[in-house]
């Protein structure tokens, strides 16, 4: 048992989850937390013109305000997706809004895109020097009407354009009223076109919910093809609770191990029904090297974690990637693309 799981995590879990997160972010942003690094050429890939040292990234929602971008490489992440960032600063939903379910290795959050806004994030990023790939996740401001969403996303994209290696349209969080309706074909095309009117060359993804029916996923895939999106991220958190042994009956998005099955089903459908040019990022339920391996066998090109990192601690990426490399050795695999072809 590691020091983190035996001593530090139990202490941290005595604190309110959001307070523990804030303390952790402060420590990371000051460079006080690090882990050993896994170096293996088989882990590196160049996708959509961007070089990734390893395929395991930090999902959006952790570094909402891009305060620690200069230090995430010290924790072994091959990429970090900052945000979700909105056009206007907003406090998010009333507290408490983040809940642990330790027996399920899960979280429920209804944060509501609490962040400092795109201008503050742009200012912070302009003074940063990250040593890992930075993606930027964009959401709709709560004060913006749904009909005005394209202009809202466009303004955030314009402000942050110089700082992201790729951008993500988040229309799948369950915690902003009406947001998931923007996954529908018409509204989604309007948002994509508004962003592409600013710059059509910047890699652009859409993050989808695990709660979509396959028919709705196919509609998003058609939009991705028609608008020449770089890719999709599968998936966000779920509003379902049927997979839980214990349900704390809190509203919000469920993440962690319980979402793994639903996320993998969507991932498999997306990758098996999309063109080879579409890059797919798998998220949901990664806690081990085998979990990471399974995402690639289902067609992911890259993966991201969030809840697994909270439960796994500073050694999370080292542990997962070590297990993953060991399996590559056992299977005689020389690249991640070989896993995808198995």
Foldseek 3Di string as FASTA:
>chain_A
DDCCQPPVLVVLVVDQVVVSLVVVVVCLLVQNFAADEDQDCQQWDQALNDIFRHQEEAEEDRQAQPSRQARVVRLHHREYEYHQAWAAADQFDDPPAKADDVVQLKIFGLRGRHYHHLQSSLVNQVPHDGPHAYEYEYEYDLPDDLVCRLVGRQNSCLSNVVRHQAYEYEQAWPNRPPSVVCLAQPNVLSNLVSNVVNPVSRAYEYAHALPDDLVSVVSSQVSCVVSVHQAYEQHWFDQDDVQDPDDPPDGTGMAAQSCLVSSLVSLLSSQVPHDPRHAYEGEGHDQALVSVLSSLCSPHPHYYYHSSCSSVDSCRNVGRVVRVVVVCVVVVHRHSVVSNVD
